[in-house]
């Protein structure tokens, strides 16, 4: 996949590298601004069951 993208980018190696960097930053931006906030309520990371009453802990 990356080889296909690299072959289809215009310019020499430096221009392709710059375009690849911009594309990667754009993907990260879209993920953090739109995809992750949309998916966050769907994930179970907020359902914690730690209450500190079990007898098997590192501090005991």
C-alpha atoms as a PDB file:
ATOM      1  CA  UNK A   1       0.000   0.000   0.000  1.00  0.00           C
ATOM      2  CA  UNK A   2       2.734   2.464   0.931  1.00  0.00           C
ATOM      3  CA  UNK A   3       4.672   1.582  -2.203  1.00  0.00           C
ATOM      4  CA  UNK A   4       1.610   2.282  -4.319  1.00  0.00           C
ATOM      5  CA  UNK A   5       1.130   5.673  -2.639  1.00  0.00           C
ATOM      6  CA  UNK A   6       4.830   6.504  -3.026  1.00  0.00           C
ATOM      7  CA  UNK A   7       4.816   5.651  -6.745  1.00  0.00           C
ATOM      8  CA  UNK A   8       1.785   7.849  -7.399  1.00  0.00           C
ATOM      9  CA  UNK A   9       3.051  10.965  -5.636  1.00  0.00           C
ATOM     10  CA  UNK A  10       4.512  13.650  -7.911  1.00  0.00           C
ATOM     11  CA  UNK A  11       8.024  15.076  -7.679  1.00  0.00           C
ATOM     12  CA  UNK A  12      11.410  13.859  -6.578  1.00  0.00           C
ATOM     13  CA  UNK A  13      12.259  12.115  -3.304  1.00  0.00           C
ATOM     14  CA  UNK A  14      12.218  15.314  -1.218  1.00  0.00           C
ATOM     15  CA  UNK A  15       8.869  16.469  -2.578  1.00  0.00           C
ATOM     16  CA  UNK A  16       7.386  13.007  -2.089  1.00  0.00           C
ATOM     17  CA  UNK A  17       8.692  12.949   1.465  1.00  0.00           C
ATOM     18  CA  UNK A  18       7.142  16.339   2.214  1.00  0.00           C
ATOM     19  CA  UNK A  19       3.815  15.328   0.678  1.00  0.00           C
ATOM     20  CA  UNK A  20       3.897  12.064   2.661  1.00  0.00           C
ATOM     21  CA  UNK A  21       4.515  13.989   5.874  1.00  0.00           C
ATOM     22  CA  UNK A  22       1.620  16.357   5.141  1.00  0.00           C
ATOM     23  CA  UNK A  23      -0.665  13.412   4.351  1.00  0.00           C
ATOM     24  CA  UNK A  24       0.298  11.636   7.582  1.00  0.00           C
ATOM     25  CA  UNK A  25      -0.320  14.795   9.630  1.00  0.00           C
ATOM     26  CA  UNK A  26      -3.688  15.258   7.915  1.00  0.00           C
ATOM     27  CA  UNK A  27      -4.693  11.696   8.821  1.00  0.00           C
ATOM     28  CA  UNK A  28      -3.685  12.240  12.460  1.00  0.00           C
ATOM     29  CA  UNK A  29      -5.613  15.525  12.552  1.00  0.00           C
ATOM     30  CA  UNK A  30      -8.784  13.932  11.156  1.00  0.00           C
ATOM     31  CA  UNK A  31      -8.500  11.036  13.615  1.00  0.00           C
ATOM     32  CA  UNK A  32      -8.109  13.289  16.661  1.00  0.00           C
ATOM     33  CA  UNK A  33     -10.691  15.885  15.614  1.00  0.00           C
ATOM     34  CA  UNK A  34     -13.470  13.698  14.237  1.00  0.00           C
ATOM     35  CA  UNK A  35     -13.024   9.929  14.539  1.00  0.00           C
ATOM     36  CA  UNK A  36     -11.837   9.534  18.142  1.00  0.00           C
ATOM     37  CA  UNK A  37     -14.434  11.934  19.646  1.00  0.00           C
ATOM     38  CA  UNK A  38     -17.156  10.110  17.712  1.00  0.00           C
ATOM     39  CA  UNK A  39     -15.956   6.653  18.848  1.00  0.00           C
ATOM     40  CA  UNK A  40     -15.199   7.550  22.488  1.00  0.00           C
ATOM     41  CA  UNK A  41     -18.760   7.087  23.824  1.00  0.00           C
ATOM     42  CA  UNK A  42     -18.922   3.690  22.119  1.00  0.00           C
ATOM     43  CA  UNK A  43     -15.817   2.341  23.905  1.00  0.00           C
ATOM     44  CA  UNK A  44     -16.020   0.713  27.364  1.00  0.00           C
ATOM     45  CA  UNK A  45     -13.049   2.550  28.909  1.00  0.00           C
ATOM     46  CA  UNK A  46     -15.274   4.556  31.258  1.00  0.00           C
ATOM     47  CA  UNK A  47     -16.746   1.410  32.833  1.00  0.00           C
ATOM     48  CA  UNK A  48     -14.280   0.823  35.651  1.00  0.00           C
ATOM     49  CA  UNK A  49     -14.963  -1.395  38.646  1.00  0.00           C
ATOM     50  CA  UNK A  50     -12.050  -0.469  40.901  1.00  0.00           C
ATOM     51  CA  UNK A  51     -13.328   0.430  44.353  1.00  0.00           C
ATOM     52  CA  UNK A  52     -10.385  -0.376  46.620  1.00  0.00           C
ATOM     53  CA  UNK A  53     -12.178  -2.965  48.770  1.00  0.00           C
ATOM     54  CA  UNK A  54     -10.503  -6.134  47.481  1.00  0.00           C
ATOM     55  CA  UNK A  55      -7.897  -7.786  49.677  1.00  0.00           C
ATOM     56  CA  UNK A  56      -5.437  -8.525  46.880  1.00  0.00           C
ATOM     57  CA  UNK A  57      -3.634  -5.321  46.083  1.00  0.00           C
ATOM     58  CA  UNK A  58      -0.042  -4.253  45.687  1.00  0.00           C
ATOM     59  CA  UNK A  59      -0.306  -2.022  48.751  1.00  0.00           C
ATOM     60  CA  UNK A  60      -1.460  -4.766  51.079  1.00  0.00           C
END
